[in-house]
N, C-alpha and C. Protein backbone atom coordinates (compact mmCIF):
# COMPACT_ATOMS: atom_id res chain seq x y z
N MET A 1 0.91 -1.23 0.43
CA MET A 1 -0.04 -0.26 -0.06
C MET A 1 0.62 1.31 -0.06
N GLN A 2 0.50 2.03 -0.77
CA GLN A 2 1.06 3.47 -1.03
C GLN A 2 0.65 4.62 -0.03
N ARG A 3 1.51 4.90 0.65
CA ARG A 3 0.77 5.77 1.73
C ARG A 3 0.96 7.33 1.43
N PHE A 4 1.88 7.94 0.41
CA PHE A 4 1.85 8.57 0.06
C PHE A 4 2.25 8.96 -0.84
N VAL A 5 1.35 9.88 -2.13
CA VAL A 5 1.97 9.87 -3.08
C VAL A 5 2.16 11.15 -3.67
N PRO A 6 3.03 11.95 -4.32
CA PRO A 6 2.85 13.07 -4.63
C PRO A 6 2.45 13.25 -5.94
N ASP A 7 2.01 14.77 -6.17
CA ASP A 7 0.70 14.86 -7.21
C ASP A 7 2.32 15.45 -8.47
N LEU A 8 3.76 15.12 -8.11
CA LEU A 8 4.68 15.52 -9.27
C LEU A 8 5.66 15.44 -8.79
N ALA A 9 6.15 14.49 -9.74
CA ALA A 9 7.35 13.70 -9.50
C ALA A 9 8.43 14.67 -10.39
N ILE A 10 9.61 14.50 -10.56
CA ILE A 10 10.64 15.25 -10.71
C ILE A 10 12.11 13.91 -10.96
N GLU A 11 12.45 14.13 -12.24
CA GLU A 11 13.36 12.57 -11.71
C GLU A 11 14.74 13.33 -13.13
N ILE A 12 15.80 13.78 -11.94
CA ILE A 12 17.07 14.43 -13.05
C ILE A 12 17.98 13.14 -13.57
N VAL A 13 18.23 13.08 -14.60
CA VAL A 13 19.29 12.13 -14.97
C VAL A 13 20.74 12.47 -14.56
N SER A 14 21.44 10.92 -14.08
CA SER A 14 22.97 11.67 -13.57
C SER A 14 23.31 10.47 -14.63
N THR A 15 24.78 10.73 -14.42
CA THR A 15 25.84 9.74 -15.81
C THR A 15 25.34 8.08 -15.12
N ASN A 16 24.62 7.83 -14.14
CA ASN A 16 25.05 6.54 -13.60
C ASN A 16 23.25 6.12 -13.98
N ASP A 17 22.28 6.67 -14.61
CA ASP A 17 21.26 6.50 -14.89
C ASP A 17 21.29 6.16 -16.25
N ALA A 18 20.16 4.36 -16.50
CA ALA A 18 19.79 3.93 -17.31
C ALA A 18 18.37 4.76 -17.91
N PHE A 19 18.21 5.09 -18.99
CA PHE A 19 16.77 5.76 -19.43
C PHE A 19 16.14 4.94 -18.93
N GLU A 20 16.01 3.48 -19.47
CA GLU A 20 14.97 2.71 -18.79
C GLU A 20 14.44 2.44 -17.42
N THR A 21 15.42 2.34 -17.10
CA THR A 21 14.86 2.50 -15.44
C THR A 21 14.28 3.52 -14.94
N LEU A 22 14.50 4.95 -15.50
CA LEU A 22 14.12 6.13 -14.62
C LEU A 22 12.33 5.85 -15.40
N ALA A 23 12.09 5.55 -17.03
CA ALA A 23 11.40 5.34 -17.57
C ALA A 23 10.28 4.39 -17.02
N LYS A 24 10.66 3.37 -16.60
CA LYS A 24 10.18 2.37 -15.74
C LYS A 24 9.65 3.07 -14.15
N LYS A 25 10.27 4.14 -13.43
CA LYS A 25 9.70 4.43 -12.15
C LYS A 25 9.18 5.53 -12.24
N ALA A 26 9.35 5.98 -13.51
CA ALA A 26 7.91 7.18 -14.09
C ALA A 26 6.45 6.54 -14.29
N GLN A 27 6.46 4.96 -14.72
CA GLN A 27 5.17 4.36 -14.95
C GLN A 27 4.75 3.66 -13.93
N ARG A 28 5.77 3.53 -13.08
CA ARG A 28 5.38 3.00 -11.09
C ARG A 28 4.68 4.37 -10.62
N CYS A 29 5.18 5.16 -10.47
CA CYS A 29 4.72 6.83 -9.93
C CYS A 29 3.01 6.88 -10.66
N ARG A 30 3.31 6.51 -11.49
CA ARG A 30 2.07 7.23 -12.45
C ARG A 30 1.07 5.93 -12.22
N ALA A 31 1.27 4.58 -11.96
CA ALA A 31 0.28 3.63 -11.41
C ALA A 31 -0.18 3.74 -10.32
N CYS A 32 0.91 4.62 -9.22
CA CYS A 32 0.82 4.57 -7.93
C CYS A 32 -0.26 5.76 -7.76
N GLY A 33 -0.47 6.60 -8.85
CA GLY A 33 -1.09 7.70 -8.70
C GLY A 33 -0.60 9.32 -8.98
N THR A 34 0.21 8.77 -8.99
CA THR A 34 1.17 10.36 -9.28
C THR A 34 0.51 10.74 -10.68
N ALA A 35 0.03 12.73 -10.12
CA ALA A 35 -0.42 13.01 -11.86
C ALA A 35 0.73 13.37 -12.74
N GLU A 36 1.69 13.49 -12.66
CA GLU A 36 2.84 13.99 -13.57
C GLU A 36 3.87 13.35 -13.24
N VAL A 37 5.06 12.96 -14.31
CA VAL A 37 6.09 12.82 -14.07
C VAL A 37 7.00 13.20 -14.91
N TRP A 38 7.57 14.05 -14.58
CA TRP A 38 9.00 14.75 -15.53
C TRP A 38 10.33 14.46 -15.11
N ILE A 39 11.00 13.27 -16.48
CA ILE A 39 12.40 13.46 -16.24
C ILE A 39 13.21 14.50 -16.78
N LEU A 40 14.39 14.61 -16.48
CA LEU A 40 15.32 16.17 -17.08
C LEU A 40 16.34 15.30 -17.32
N SER A 41 16.76 15.77 -18.38
CA SER A 41 17.98 15.40 -19.14
C SER A 41 19.23 16.62 -19.07
N ALA A 42 20.02 16.93 -18.15
CA ALA A 42 20.68 18.45 -18.57
C ALA A 42 21.85 18.07 -19.53
N GLU A 43 22.18 16.50 -19.78
CA GLU A 43 22.76 16.07 -20.92
C GLU A 43 22.32 16.49 -22.53
N THR A 44 20.92 16.30 -22.50
CA THR A 44 20.59 16.04 -24.09
C THR A 44 19.55 18.24 -23.95
N ASN A 45 19.71 18.44 -22.70
CA ASN A 45 18.52 19.30 -22.56
C ASN A 45 16.69 19.52 -22.89
N GLN A 46 16.78 18.26 -22.54
CA GLN A 46 15.30 17.50 -23.05
C GLN A 46 14.33 17.19 -21.36
N ALA A 47 13.23 16.87 -21.94
CA ALA A 47 12.79 16.77 -20.64
C ALA A 47 11.33 16.05 -21.37
N PHE A 48 11.30 14.84 -20.90
CA PHE A 48 10.36 13.69 -20.84
C PHE A 48 9.37 13.69 -19.80
N VAL A 49 7.82 13.69 -20.56
CA VAL A 49 6.72 14.24 -19.28
C VAL A 49 5.84 13.04 -19.68
N PHE A 50 5.58 12.69 -18.41
CA PHE A 50 4.30 11.41 -18.17
C PHE A 50 3.23 11.99 -17.26
N SER A 51 2.22 12.08 -18.18
CA SER A 51 1.01 12.61 -17.36
C SER A 51 -0.88 11.89 -17.94
N GLU A 52 -1.45 12.28 -17.19
CA GLU A 52 -2.87 11.30 -18.06
C GLU A 52 -2.84 12.18 -19.72
N GLN A 53 -2.83 13.49 -19.44
CA GLN A 53 -3.33 14.34 -20.93
C GLN A 53 -2.05 14.20 -21.83
N ARG A 54 -1.02 13.31 -21.33
CA ARG A 54 0.91 13.54 -22.53
C ARG A 54 1.45 12.94 -22.21
N ARG A 55 2.14 12.45 -23.32
CA ARG A 55 3.32 12.10 -22.88
C ARG A 55 4.09 12.18 -24.27
N THR A 56 5.15 13.38 -24.32
CA THR A 56 5.93 14.30 -24.41
C THR A 56 7.28 14.14 -24.04
N ILE A 57 8.38 14.74 -25.58
CA ILE A 57 9.50 15.13 -24.71
C ILE A 57 9.28 17.03 -25.29
N LEU A 58 10.86 17.26 -24.87
CA LEU A 58 10.94 18.79 -24.75
C LEU A 58 11.85 19.35 -24.87
N ASP A 59 11.70 20.18 -25.58
CA ASP A 59 13.44 20.72 -25.97
C ASP A 59 13.31 22.08 -24.98
N GLU A 60 15.02 22.46 -24.78
CA GLU A 60 15.44 23.69 -23.99
C GLU A 60 14.53 25.11 -25.09
N THR A 61 13.90 25.12 -25.92
CA THR A 61 12.81 26.40 -26.15
C THR A 61 11.52 26.30 -25.70
N ASP A 62 11.05 24.94 -25.08
CA ASP A 62 9.96 24.61 -24.62
C ASP A 62 9.73 25.39 -22.87
N GLU A 63 8.48 25.02 -22.22
CA GLU A 63 8.91 25.43 -21.18
C GLU A 63 8.63 24.50 -20.09
N PHE A 64 8.94 24.47 -19.00
CA PHE A 64 8.71 23.78 -17.70
C PHE A 64 7.65 24.22 -17.37
N ARG A 65 6.50 23.70 -17.50
CA ARG A 65 5.15 24.26 -16.85
C ARG A 65 4.23 23.17 -16.10
N PRO A 66 4.61 22.32 -15.32
CA PRO A 66 3.30 21.44 -14.56
C PRO A 66 2.41 21.88 -14.54
N GLU A 67 1.37 20.69 -14.90
CA GLU A 67 -0.08 21.03 -14.75
C GLU A 67 -0.65 21.38 -13.35
N THR A 68 0.35 20.38 -12.15
CA THR A 68 0.11 20.38 -10.97
C THR A 68 0.17 21.58 -10.35
N ILE A 69 1.08 22.72 -10.55
CA ILE A 69 1.81 24.11 -10.28
C ILE A 69 0.90 24.99 -11.08
N PRO A 70 -0.17 25.34 -11.09
CA PRO A 70 -0.88 26.32 -11.92
C PRO A 70 -0.34 27.72 -11.68
N GLY A 71 0.35 28.43 -12.96
CA GLY A 71 1.28 29.87 -12.69
C GLY A 71 2.09 29.79 -13.17
N PHE A 72 2.77 28.22 -12.79
CA PHE A 72 4.26 28.12 -12.43
C PHE A 72 4.84 27.93 -14.06
N ALA A 73 5.32 28.66 -14.52
CA ALA A 73 6.76 28.10 -16.22
C ALA A 73 7.93 28.87 -16.15
N ILE A 74 8.91 27.92 -16.25
CA ILE A 74 10.24 28.33 -16.30
C ILE A 74 10.74 27.39 -18.03
N ARG A 75 11.35 28.60 -18.59
CA ARG A 75 12.01 28.04 -19.78
C ARG A 75 12.76 26.64 -19.35
N LEU A 76 13.07 25.73 -20.64
CA LEU A 76 13.95 24.31 -19.83
C LEU A 76 15.09 25.21 -20.59
N GLY A 77 15.48 25.77 -21.36
CA GLY A 77 16.91 26.44 -21.60
C GLY A 77 17.39 27.01 -20.60
N ASP A 78 16.50 27.79 -19.74
CA ASP A 78 16.36 28.88 -18.73
C ASP A 78 17.57 27.88 -17.11
N LEU A 79 16.07 27.07 -17.02
CA LEU A 79 16.79 25.87 -15.87
C LEU A 79 17.64 25.15 -15.98
N PHE A 80 18.16 24.50 -17.38
CA PHE A 80 19.27 23.75 -17.49
C PHE A 80 20.57 24.29 -17.51
N THR A 81 20.83 25.85 -17.72
CA THR A 81 21.97 26.77 -17.85
C THR A 81 22.35 27.04 -16.46
N ARG A 82 20.97 27.05 -15.51
CA ARG A 82 21.15 27.24 -14.05
C ARG A 82 22.08 26.43 -13.11
N TYR A 83 21.76 24.88 -13.45
CA TYR A 83 22.14 23.95 -12.55
C TYR A 83 22.99 23.07 -13.48
């Protein structure tokens, strides 16, 4: 039984991570009730979004605009260059 399920989960790809592992983790989160999962890759400047409404790949010109945080947005390129 899952005691706490976040509305939004964010995974940041590290050099040790296999993308398949992160994708499976995103699927588990969604299956447990997490509304939205973002996988961020600073190496490729891409975000992979998994939610009920969409499954998409965004690049640095797109915005990180989680549906679960109304009114919040930041251009992915700005997010990646800050960190």
